[in-house]
C-alpha atoms as a PDB file:
ATOM      1  CA  MET A   1      53.318  -1.103 -14.755  1.00  0.00           C
ATOM      2  CA  ALA A   2      50.229  -1.575 -16.945  1.00  0.00           C
ATOM      3  CA  TRP A   3      46.921  -0.235 -15.435  1.00  0.00           C
ATOM      4  CA  ILE A   4      43.312   0.227 -16.807  1.00  0.00           C
ATOM      5  CA  GLU A   5      40.635   2.465 -15.717  1.00  0.00           C
ATOM      6  CA  SER A   6      37.822   0.844 -13.324  1.00  0.00           C
ATOM      7  CA  HIS A   7      34.605   2.954 -12.906  1.00  0.00           C
ATOM      8  CA  THR A   8      32.742   2.745  -9.697  1.00  0.00           C
ATOM      9  CA  VAL A   9      29.394   2.321 -11.433  1.00  0.00           C
ATOM     10  CA  LEU A  10      30.337  -1.126 -12.725  1.00  0.00           C
ATOM     11  CA  SER A  11      28.789  -3.301 -10.056  1.00  0.00           C
ATOM     12  CA  ARG A  12      25.402  -1.638 -10.598  1.00  0.00           C
ATOM     13  CA  HIS A  13      25.543  -1.041 -14.272  1.00  0.00           C
ATOM     14  CA  ARG A  14      22.546  -2.776 -16.074  1.00  0.00           C
ATOM     15  CA  LYS A  15      25.035  -4.602 -18.555  1.00  0.00           C
ATOM     16  CA  THR A  16      26.758  -6.064 -15.408  1.00  0.00           C
ATOM     17  CA  VAL A  17      23.544  -7.207 -13.997  1.00  0.00           C
ATOM     18  CA  GLY A  18      22.198  -8.498 -17.181  1.00  0.00           C
ATOM     19  CA  LEU A  19      25.302 -10.538 -18.063  1.00  0.00           C
ATOM     20  CA  SER A  20      25.609 -11.867 -14.351  1.00  0.00           C
ATOM     21  CA  ARG A  21      22.028 -13.007 -14.528  1.00  0.00           C
ATOM     22  CA  ASP A  22      22.579 -14.860 -17.776  1.00  0.00           C
ATOM     23  CA  LEU A  23      25.708 -16.595 -16.289  1.00  0.00           C
ATOM     24  CA  ARG A  24      23.831 -17.138 -12.976  1.00  0.00           C
ATOM     25  CA  ILE A  25      26.657 -15.630 -11.079  1.00  0.00           C
ATOM     26  CA  ARG A  26      26.931 -12.673  -8.651  1.00  0.00           C
ATOM     27  CA  PRO A  27      27.840  -9.261 -10.180  1.00  0.00           C
ATOM     28  CA  VAL A  28      30.734  -9.013  -7.873  1.00  0.00           C
ATOM     29  CA  TRP A  29      32.035 -12.293  -9.401  1.00  0.00           C
ATOM     30  CA  LEU A  30      31.438 -10.960 -12.903  1.00  0.00           C
ATOM     31  CA  MET A  31      33.437  -7.954 -12.044  1.00  0.00           C
ATOM     32  CA  GLY A  32      36.347 -10.200 -11.182  1.00  0.00           C
ATOM     33  CA  HIS A  33      36.047 -11.931 -14.776  1.00  0.00           C
ATOM     34  CA  LEU A  34      35.867  -8.653 -16.483  1.00  0.00           C
ATOM     35  CA  HIS A  35      38.708  -7.242 -14.874  1.00  0.00           C
ATOM     36  CA  ALA A  36      40.880 -10.273 -15.385  1.00  0.00           C
ATOM     37  CA  PHE A  37      39.875 -10.169 -19.138  1.00  0.00           C
ATOM     38  CA  TRP A  38      40.795  -6.452 -19.405  1.00  0.00           C
ATOM     39  CA  HIS A  39      44.070  -6.966 -17.699  1.00  0.00           C
ATOM     40  CA  ALA A  40      44.981  -9.965 -20.166  1.00  0.00           C
ATOM     41  CA  VAL A  41      44.004  -8.116 -22.838  1.00  0.00           C
ATOM     42  CA  LEU A  42      46.121  -5.229 -22.095  1.00  0.00           C
ATOM     43  CA  GLU A  43      49.105  -7.314 -21.653  1.00  0.00           C
ATOM     44  CA  GLN A  44      48.645  -9.600 -24.630  1.00  0.00           C
ATOM     45  CA  GLN A  45      46.500  -7.505 -27.129  1.00  0.00           C
ATOM     46  CA  GLU A  46      46.724  -3.888 -26.257  1.00  0.00           C
ATOM     47  CA  ASP A  47      44.728  -2.849 -29.235  1.00  0.00           C
ATOM     48  CA  GLY A  48      41.650  -4.538 -27.883  1.00  0.00           C
ATOM     49  CA  ASP A  49      41.212  -6.520 -31.273  1.00  0.00           C
ATOM     50  CA  LEU A  50      40.736 -10.075 -30.344  1.00  0.00           C
ATOM     51  CA  THR A  51      40.097 -11.321 -33.903  1.00  0.00           C
ATOM     52  CA  SER A  52      43.005 -13.819 -33.602  1.00  0.00           C
ATOM     53  CA  TRP A  53      41.671 -15.117 -30.153  1.00  0.00           C
ATOM     54  CA  THR A  54      39.609 -18.159 -29.994  1.00  0.00           C
ATOM     55  CA  ASP A  55      36.629 -18.424 -27.507  1.00  0.00           C
ATOM     56  CA  GLU A  56      38.855 -20.632 -25.313  1.00  0.00           C
ATOM     57  CA  MET A  57      41.570 -17.917 -25.325  1.00  0.00           C
ATOM     58  CA  ILE A  58      38.839 -15.391 -24.254  1.00  0.00           C
ATOM     59  CA  ALA A  59      37.295 -17.670 -21.614  1.00  0.00           C
ATOM     60  CA  ASP A  60      40.975 -18.364 -20.006  1.00  0.00           C
ATOM     61  CA  ALA A  61      41.702 -14.599 -20.232  1.00  0.00           C
ATOM     62  CA  ALA A  62      38.639 -13.979 -18.084  1.00  0.00           C
ATOM     63  CA  GLN A  63      39.401 -17.120 -15.693  1.00  0.00           C
ATOM     64  CA  PHE A  64      35.995 -18.432 -16.740  1.00  0.00           C
ATOM     65  CA  LYS A  65      35.378 -22.203 -16.287  1.00  0.00           C
ATOM     66  CA  GLY A  66      32.114 -22.531 -18.104  1.00  0.00           C
ATOM     67  CA  GLU A  67      31.370 -23.117 -21.789  1.00  0.00           C
ATOM     68  CA  PRO A  68      33.846 -20.719 -23.667  1.00  0.00           C
ATOM     69  CA  ALA A  69      31.424 -20.172 -26.743  1.00  0.00           C
ATOM     70  CA  HIS A  70      28.585 -19.482 -24.163  1.00  0.00           C
ATOM     71  CA  LEU A  71      30.561 -16.807 -22.543  1.00  0.00           C
ATOM     72  CA  VAL A  72      31.679 -15.133 -25.819  1.00  0.00           C
ATOM     73  CA  THR A  73      28.078 -15.101 -27.124  1.00  0.00           C
ATOM     74  CA  LEU A  74      26.800 -13.377 -23.782  1.00  0.00           C
ATOM     75  CA  LEU A  75      29.712 -10.970 -23.864  1.00  0.00           C
ATOM     76  CA  GLN A  76      28.602  -9.805 -27.274  1.00  0.00           C
ATOM     77  CA  LYS A  77      24.897  -9.844 -26.313  1.00  0.00           C
ATOM     78  CA  HIS A  78      25.461  -7.398 -23.458  1.00  0.00           C
ATOM     79  CA  ARG A  79      27.902  -5.273 -25.627  1.00  0.00           C
ATOM     80  CA  TRP A  80      31.229  -6.109 -23.528  1.00  0.00           C
ATOM     81  CA  LEU A  81      32.533  -7.315 -26.996  1.00  0.00           C
ATOM     82  CA  ASP A  82      31.657  -5.818 -30.496  1.00  0.00           C
ATOM     83  CA  GLY A  83      32.281  -8.664 -32.480  1.00  0.00           C
ATOM     84  CA  ARG A  84      35.837  -9.304 -31.518  1.00  0.00           C
ATOM     85  CA  LEU A  85      36.511  -5.924 -30.496  1.00  0.00           C
ATOM     86  CA  VAL A  86      36.506  -5.154 -26.743  1.00  0.00           C
ATOM     87  CA  HIS A  87      33.613  -2.616 -26.289  1.00  0.00           C
ATOM     88  CA  ASP A  88      34.742   0.840 -25.534  1.00  0.00           C
ATOM     89  CA  TRP A  89      38.215  -0.328 -25.038  1.00  0.00           C
ATOM     90  CA  LEU A  90      39.874   3.161 -25.155  1.00  0.00           C
ATOM     91  CA  ASP A  91      37.560   4.054 -22.197  1.00  0.00           C
ATOM     92  CA  TYR A  92      39.496   1.521 -20.132  1.00  0.00           C
ATOM     93  CA  ALA A  93      43.138   1.553 -21.792  1.00  0.00           C
ATOM     94  CA  GLY A  94      43.410   4.701 -23.787  1.00  0.00           C
ATOM     95  CA  LEU A  95      44.813   6.848 -21.199  1.00  0.00           C
ATOM     96  CA  TYR A  96      47.621   4.210 -20.395  1.00  0.00           C
ATOM     97  CA  LEU A  97      48.337   3.795 -24.199  1.00  0.00           C
ATOM     98  CA  ILE A  98      48.765   7.552 -24.588  1.00  0.00           C
ATOM     99  CA  ARG A  99      51.109   7.931 -21.860  1.00  0.00           C
ATOM    100  CA  LYS A 100      53.130   4.783 -23.317  1.00  0.00           C
ATOM    101  CA  TYR A 101      53.299   5.846 -26.991  1.00  0.00           C
ATOM    102  CA  SER A 102      52.663   9.607 -27.235  1.00  0.00           C
ATOM    103  CA  ARG A 103      56.148  10.652 -27.367  1.00  0.00           C
ATOM    104  CA  ARG A 104      57.863   7.949 -29.147  1.00  0.00           C
ATOM    105  CA  ASN A 105      55.066   6.134 -31.471  1.00  0.00           C
ATOM    106  CA  LYS A 106      52.166   8.117 -32.365  1.00  0.00           C
ATOM    107  CA  LYS A 107      51.599   5.931 -35.472  1.00  0.00           C
ATOM    108  CA  ARG A 108      50.899   3.005 -33.029  1.00  0.00           C
ATOM    109  CA  LEU A 109      48.332   5.104 -31.345  1.00  0.00           C
ATOM    110  CA  ALA A 110      46.730   6.079 -34.574  1.00  0.00           C
ATOM    111  CA  GLU A 111      46.537   2.514 -35.690  1.00  0.00           C
ATOM    112  CA  ILE A 112      44.676   1.254 -32.308  1.00  0.00           C
ATOM    113  CA  TRP A 113      42.358   4.252 -32.662  1.00  0.00           C
ATOM    114  CA  ALA A 114      41.619   3.369 -36.240  1.00  0.00           C
ATOM    115  CA  LYS A 115      40.585  -0.116 -35.185  1.00  0.00           C
ATOM    116  CA  HIS A 116      37.816   1.469 -32.959  1.00  0.00           C
ATOM    117  CA  GLY A 117      36.698   3.715 -35.450  1.00  0.00           C
ATOM    118  CA  LYS A 118      38.480   6.830 -34.050  1.00  0.00           C
ATOM    119  CA  VAL A 119      40.906   9.254 -35.112  1.00  0.00           C
ATOM    120  CA  TYR A 120      44.039   9.870 -33.081  1.00  0.00           C
ATOM    121  CA  GLY A 121      45.543  13.282 -33.426  1.00  0.00           C
ATOM    122  CA  SER A 122      42.529  15.521 -32.792  1.00  0.00           C
ATOM    123  CA  GLU A 123      43.097  18.636 -30.649  1.00  0.00           C
ATOM    124  CA  GLN A 124      41.840  16.692 -27.590  1.00  0.00           C
ATOM    125  CA  THR A 125      44.218  13.793 -27.882  1.00  0.00           C
ATOM    126  CA  GLU A 126      47.183  15.882 -28.775  1.00  0.00           C
ATOM    127  CA  SER A 127      46.614  18.035 -25.571  1.00  0.00           C
ATOM    128  CA  VAL A 128      46.606  14.680 -23.563  1.00  0.00           C
ATOM    129  CA  ALA A 129      49.868  13.652 -25.349  1.00  0.00           C
ATOM    130  CA  SER A 130      51.593  17.084 -24.300  1.00  0.00           C
ATOM    131  CA  ASP A 131      50.284  16.787 -20.679  1.00  0.00           C
ATOM    132  CA  SER A 132      51.321  13.249 -20.481  1.00  0.00           C
ATOM    133  CA  ARG A 133      54.866  14.510 -20.165  1.00  0.00           C
ATOM    134  CA  SER A 134      54.204  15.914 -16.848  1.00  0.00           C
ATOM    135  CA  ASP A 135      54.430  13.791 -13.636  1.00  0.00           C
ATOM    136  CA  CYS A 136      50.758  13.898 -12.925  1.00  0.00           C
ATOM    137  CA  ARG A 137      47.510  13.217 -14.849  1.00  0.00           C
ATOM    138  CA  SER A 138      46.023  16.438 -16.061  1.00  0.00           C
ATOM    139  CA  ALA A 139      42.381  17.349 -16.913  1.00  0.00           C
ATOM    140  CA  GLY A 140      43.200  17.058 -20.687  1.00  0.00           C
ATOM    141  CA  GLU A 141      43.653  13.398 -20.203  1.00  0.00           C
ATOM    142  CA  ARG A 142      40.432  12.802 -18.696  1.00  0.00           C
ATOM    143  CA  GLN A 143      38.691  14.979 -21.208  1.00  0.00           C
ATOM    144  CA  SER A 144      40.105  12.728 -24.041  1.00  0.00           C
ATOM    145  CA  LEU A 145      38.672   9.498 -22.845  1.00  0.00           C
ATOM    146  CA  ALA A 146      36.884   9.451 -19.500  1.00  0.00           C
ATOM    147  CA  PRO A 147      35.727  13.044 -18.612  1.00  0.00           C
ATOM    148  CA  ASN A 148      32.395  11.644 -17.200  1.00  0.00           C
ATOM    149  CA  GLN A 149      34.040  10.013 -14.338  1.00  0.00           C
ATOM    150  CA  PRO A 150      35.029  11.459 -10.917  1.00  0.00           C
ATOM    151  CA  ILE A 151      38.339  13.468 -11.128  1.00  0.00           C
ATOM    152  CA  THR A 152      40.113  11.534  -8.228  1.00  0.00           C
ATOM    153  CA  LYS A 153      40.466   7.883  -8.813  1.00  0.00           C
ATOM    154  CA  PRO A 154      42.316   5.317  -6.626  1.00  0.00           C
ATOM    155  CA  ASN A 155      45.882   4.183  -7.324  1.00  0.00           C
ATOM    156  CA  GLN A 156      46.499   7.094  -9.990  1.00  0.00           C
ATOM    157  CA  PRO A 157      48.186  10.355  -9.639  1.00  0.00           C
ATOM    158  CA  THR A 158      46.029  13.455  -8.660  1.00  0.00           C
ATOM    159  CA  MET A 159      45.335  16.404 -10.931  1.00  0.00           C
ATOM    160  CA  GLY A 160      47.427  19.556 -10.025  1.00  0.00           C
ATOM    161  CA  GLU A 161      45.814  22.563  -8.771  1.00  0.00           C
ATOM    162  CA  GLY A 162      44.211  25.217 -11.116  1.00  0.00           C
ATOM    163  CA  VAL A 163      43.229  22.877 -13.941  1.00  0.00           C
ATOM    164  CA  VAL A 164      39.684  23.154 -15.412  1.00  0.00           C
ATOM    165  CA  ARG A 165      37.270  20.276 -14.888  1.00  0.00           C
ATOM    166  CA  PRO A 166      36.474  18.535 -17.994  1.00  0.00           C
ATOM    167  CA  PRO A 167      32.841  18.519 -19.349  1.00  0.00           C
ATOM    168  CA  PRO A 168      30.669  15.986 -17.800  1.00  0.00           C
ATOM    169  CA  ALA A 169      30.300  13.820 -20.815  1.00  0.00           C
ATOM    170  CA  ASP A 170      32.688  11.961 -23.375  1.00  0.00           C
ATOM    171  CA  PRO A 171      32.526  14.120 -26.712  1.00  0.00           C
ATOM    172  CA  GLY A 172      34.731  11.414 -28.443  1.00  0.00           C
ATOM    173  CA  TYR A 173      32.156   8.599 -28.309  1.00  0.00           C
ATOM    174  CA  HIS A 174      28.448   9.934 -28.470  1.00  0.00           C
ATOM    175  CA  PRO A 175      28.649  13.657 -28.925  1.00  0.00           C
ATOM    176  CA  ASP A 176      25.096  13.775 -30.381  1.00  0.00           C
ATOM    177  CA  LYS A 177      23.712  11.933 -27.091  1.00  0.00           C
ATOM    178  CA  VAL A 178      25.406  14.384 -24.568  1.00  0.00           C
ATOM    179  CA  PRO A 179      23.106  17.408 -24.698  1.00  0.00           C
ATOM    180  CA  LYS A 180      19.925  15.014 -24.484  1.00  0.00           C
ATOM    181  CA  ALA A 181      21.490  13.085 -21.633  1.00  0.00           C
ATOM    182  CA  GLN A 182      22.383  16.280 -19.819  1.00  0.00           C
ATOM    183  CA  GLN A 183      18.881  17.515 -20.209  1.00  0.00           C
ATOM    184  CA  VAL A 184      17.453  14.077 -18.670  1.00  0.00           C
ATOM    185  CA  VAL A 185      19.933  14.380 -15.632  1.00  0.00           C
ATOM    186  CA  ASP A 186      19.115  18.067 -15.091  1.00  0.00           C
ATOM    187  CA  HIS A 187      15.353  17.265 -15.140  1.00  0.00           C
ATOM    188  CA  TYR A 188      15.872  14.141 -12.809  1.00  0.00           C
ATOM    189  CA  GLN A 189      17.796  16.517 -10.463  1.00  0.00           C
ATOM    190  CA  LYS A 190      15.113  19.123 -10.419  1.00  0.00           C
ATOM    191  CA  ALA A 191      12.113  16.630 -10.095  1.00  0.00           C
ATOM    192  CA  THR A 192      13.739  14.756  -7.180  1.00  0.00           C
ATOM    193  CA  GLY A 193      15.931  17.348  -5.439  1.00  0.00           C
ATOM    194  CA  PHE A 194      18.630  14.930  -5.543  1.00  0.00           C
ATOM    195  CA  ASP A 195      22.130  16.653  -6.188  1.00  0.00           C
ATOM    196  CA  CYS A 196      23.833  14.473  -8.899  1.00  0.00           C
ATOM    197  CA  ALA A 197      27.215  14.965  -7.421  1.00  0.00           C
ATOM    198  CA  ALA A 198      28.514  12.368  -9.942  1.00  0.00           C
ATOM    199  CA  GLY A 199      26.781  13.910 -12.848  1.00  0.00           C
ATOM    200  CA  GLY A 200      29.224  12.579 -15.425  1.00  0.00           C
ATOM    201  CA  ALA A 201      28.642   8.977 -14.383  1.00  0.00           C
ATOM    202  CA  ALA A 202      24.806   9.815 -14.489  1.00  0.00           C
ATOM    203  CA  ILE A 203      25.101  11.207 -18.046  1.00  0.00           C
ATOM    204  CA  ARG A 204      26.825   7.883 -18.975  1.00  0.00           C
ATOM    205  CA  ALA A 205      24.048   5.821 -17.678  1.00  0.00           C
ATOM    206  CA  VAL A 206      21.363   8.022 -19.669  1.00  0.00           C
ATOM    207  CA  ILE A 207      23.477   7.799 -22.779  1.00  0.00           C
ATOM    208  CA  GLY A 208      23.183   3.910 -22.311  1.00  0.00           C
ATOM    209  CA  CYS A 209      19.527   4.266 -22.137  1.00  0.00           C
ATOM    210  CA  LEU A 210      19.241   6.481 -25.256  1.00  0.00           C
ATOM    211  CA  LEU A 211      21.494   4.115 -27.128  1.00  0.00           C
ATOM    212  CA  ASP A 212      19.021   1.217 -25.876  1.00  0.00           C
ATOM    213  CA  GLY A 213      16.196   3.133 -27.953  1.00  0.00           C
ATOM    214  CA  PHE A 214      14.657   5.199 -25.251  1.00  0.00           C
ATOM    215  CA  ASP A 215      13.966   8.900 -25.806  1.00  0.00           C
ATOM    216  CA  CYS A 216      14.390  11.857 -23.629  1.00  0.00           C
ATOM    217  CA  ASP A 217      10.654  12.272 -23.119  1.00  0.00           C
ATOM    218  CA  GLN A 218      10.237   8.639 -21.884  1.00  0.00           C
ATOM    219  CA  LEU A 219      13.235   9.160 -19.369  1.00  0.00           C
ATOM    220  CA  MET A 220      11.919  12.321 -18.026  1.00  0.00           C
ATOM    221  CA  LYS A 221       8.419  11.063 -17.638  1.00  0.00           C
ATOM    222  CA  ALA A 222       9.690   8.164 -15.734  1.00  0.00           C
ATOM    223  CA  ALA A 223      11.391  10.494 -13.450  1.00  0.00           C
ATOM    224  CA  ASP A 224       8.261  12.447 -12.919  1.00  0.00           C
ATOM    225  CA  SER A 225       6.256   9.221 -12.277  1.00  0.00           C
ATOM    226  CA  TYR A 226       8.830   8.068  -9.743  1.00  0.00           C
ATOM    227  CA  VAL A 227       8.623  11.645  -7.843  1.00  0.00           C
ATOM    228  CA  ALA A 228       4.857  11.242  -7.836  1.00  0.00           C
ATOM    229  CA  TRP A 229       4.883   7.622  -6.531  1.00  0.00           C
ATOM    230  CA  SER A 230       7.755   7.571  -4.126  1.00  0.00           C
ATOM    231  CA  ALA A 231       8.432   9.208  -0.592  1.00  0.00           C
ATOM    232  CA  GLU A 232      10.863  11.909  -0.276  1.00  0.00           C
ATOM    233  CA  LYS A 233      13.234   9.874   1.781  1.00  0.00           C
ATOM    234  CA  GLN A 234      13.224   7.175  -0.834  1.00  0.00           C
ATOM    235  CA  ARG A 235      14.003   9.706  -3.540  1.00  0.00           C
ATOM    236  CA  LYS A 236      17.066  10.932  -1.682  1.00  0.00           C
ATOM    237  CA  ARG A 237      18.432   7.269  -1.520  1.00  0.00           C
ATOM    238  CA  GLN A 238      18.365   6.861  -5.207  1.00  0.00           C
ATOM    239  CA  GLY A 239      20.245   9.078  -7.585  1.00  0.00           C
ATOM    240  CA  ALA A 240      20.187   9.278 -11.446  1.00  0.00           C
ATOM    241  CA  ILE A 241      23.022   6.891 -11.877  1.00  0.00           C
ATOM    242  CA  ARG A 242      21.028   3.880 -10.211  1.00  0.00           C
ATOM    243  CA  PHE A 243      17.606   5.012 -11.497  1.00  0.00           C
ATOM    244  CA  TYR A 244      18.794   4.950 -15.170  1.00  0.00           C
ATOM    245  CA  GLY A 245      21.829   2.789 -14.766  1.00  0.00           C
ATOM    246  CA  ASP A 246      20.253  -0.346 -13.495  1.00  0.00           C
ATOM    247  CA  GLY A 247      16.918   0.034 -15.360  1.00  0.00           C
ATOM    248  CA  THR A 248      14.545   1.186 -12.496  1.00  0.00           C
ATOM    249  CA  PHE A 249      13.269   3.823 -14.580  1.00  0.00           C
ATOM    250  CA  LYS A 250      11.657   1.138 -16.857  1.00  0.00           C
ATOM    251  CA  ASP A 251       9.162   0.429 -14.002  1.00  0.00           C
ATOM    252  CA  TYR A 252       7.822   4.125 -14.425  1.00  0.00           C
ATOM    253  CA  LEU A 253       7.579   4.421 -18.160  1.00  0.00           C
ATOM    254  CA  ASN A 254       3.823   3.913 -18.102  1.00  0.00           C
ATOM    255  CA  GLY A 255       2.899   6.331 -15.344  1.00  0.00           C
ATOM    256  CA  VAL A 256       2.544   6.071 -11.757  1.00  0.00           C
ATOM    257  CA  PRO A 257       2.232   2.562 -10.448  1.00  0.00           C
ATOM    258  CA  LYS A 258      -0.931   1.557  -8.456  1.00  0.00           C
ATOM    259  CA  VAL A 259      -0.230   2.631  -5.029  1.00  0.00           C
ATOM    260  CA  GLU A 260      -2.411   1.313  -2.131  1.00  0.00           C
ATOM    261  CA  THR A 261      -4.146   3.830   0.086  1.00  0.00           C
ATOM    262  CA  GLU A 262      -3.642   4.082   3.949  1.00  0.00           C
ATOM    263  CA  ASP A 263      -6.960   2.593   4.595  1.00  0.00           C
ATOM    264  CA  GLU A 264      -6.145  -0.449   2.320  1.00  0.00           C
ATOM    265  CA  ILE A 265      -2.807  -0.864   4.032  1.00  0.00           C
ATOM    266  CA  ALA A 266      -4.462  -0.706   7.455  1.00  0.00           C
ATOM    267  CA  LYS A 267      -7.086  -3.458   6.281  1.00  0.00           C
ATOM    268  CA  ALA A 268      -4.348  -5.741   5.096  1.00  0.00           C
ATOM    269  CA  SER A 269      -2.505  -5.382   8.307  1.00  0.00           C
ATOM    270  CA  GLU A 270      -5.605  -6.298  10.298  1.00  0.00           C
ATOM    271  CA  LYS A 271      -6.262  -9.281   8.111  1.00  0.00           C
ATOM    272  CA  LEU A 272      -2.678 -10.394   8.768  1.00  0.00           C
ATOM    273  CA  LYS A 273      -2.937  -9.945  12.398  1.00  0.00           C
ATOM    274  CA  ALA A 274      -6.002 -11.869  12.517  1.00  0.00           C
ATOM    275  CA  LEU A 275      -4.623 -14.691  10.413  1.00  0.00           C
ATOM    276  CA  ARG A 276      -1.631 -14.952  12.603  1.00  0.00           C
ATOM    277  CA  GLU A 277      -3.864 -15.044  15.820  1.00  0.00           C
ATOM    278  CA  ARG A 278      -5.891 -17.864  14.291  1.00  0.00           C
ATOM    279  CA  LEU A 279      -2.801 -19.898  13.379  1.00  0.00           C
ATOM    280  CA  GLY A 280      -1.583 -19.420  16.975  1.00  0.00           C
ATOM    281  CA  SER A 281      -4.815 -20.640  18.457  1.00  0.00           C
ATOM    282  CA  GLU A 282      -4.824 -23.619  16.244  1.00  0.00           C
ATOM    283  CA  ARG A 283      -1.227 -24.595  17.009  1.00  0.00           C
ATOM    284  CA  LYS A 284      -2.230 -24.270  20.756  1.00  0.00           C
ATOM    285  CA  SER A 285      -5.229 -26.659  20.366  1.00  0.00           C
ATOM    286  CA  THR A 286      -3.338 -29.325  18.810  1.00  0.00           C
END
C-alpha cells in the first residue's frame, strides 16, 4: 500500500492559510484537497512531475470543483507547485519511493531525484536504502528526507531502540539556512521560556520565513518585541512553530505594538458600562 508523510503543522502553515483564504475555503477543507492531490500523484505520477497533466487533471486529482486554471495558478502562487513539479515532493513521497526501489531499481530513484534537482546516491540516501531492508523505519530514513519532524508518526512502524535521533533540520534541501534557523529558534526559546519540543518543525517554519526574504535579526527582534508586549501565560501558549509558521511574527517586526495602560483600560470599561446603562434606560422609557 502506498503512503505519504503528513506533517502536523500543515493546518497552521502559512501556505495553507494563504491558499485557503484565496480559495475562500476553510484550511481543514484545503487539507483534504491537498491530500487527495498528493495521493493521486503518488499513484499516477510518482515522480511528482506533472508536465503532462492538464489543469483539469490537477483539479480532478485534488477533487476540486472550482475553476481548474484558477486552482493551478494559486497552487503555484503559494508554492505548492513549482511550475509543474509538486513542491518538496521528496519530503512527502521520498521515503516510500526509497523503500520501493532501493533494492531493485536505484536508477529509477536517481531519475526521480534528478527531476527535483537532487542527487540520489549520497551517503545519506545510501544509508536509507540499506536500512529500508529491515522491518522498521530507521533514523537514517528520517535523516534523509524528513528529520525535522517528530520521530513517531501515526500509521508508520516505530523506530528501534538505540538509534540516534536525526538532526533537527533537513540538510538535503536548505543546508545554508539550517544554522540561521536554529539560531532563531534558540533565541525564541530563550526569550520566551517556551520549550520548543518540536524544534525540528519550528526550524522548518523559520526556514520558510528566511526563504520569504526575512533575515535572522528581524525574526529575533520580532520575538523580543513579542515578549515585551505579551503576558507570560500568553507566551506559553504560543510556540515558535505557530509564531513563525502562521506569520504572527510580522505583527512585531516594527517593535512593540501600542499597548493601553491599566488606567486607559479602566476608563474605557467605565465608558462602556455607562453606555450600556444609558441604552438600558432608553429601552425602558420607550
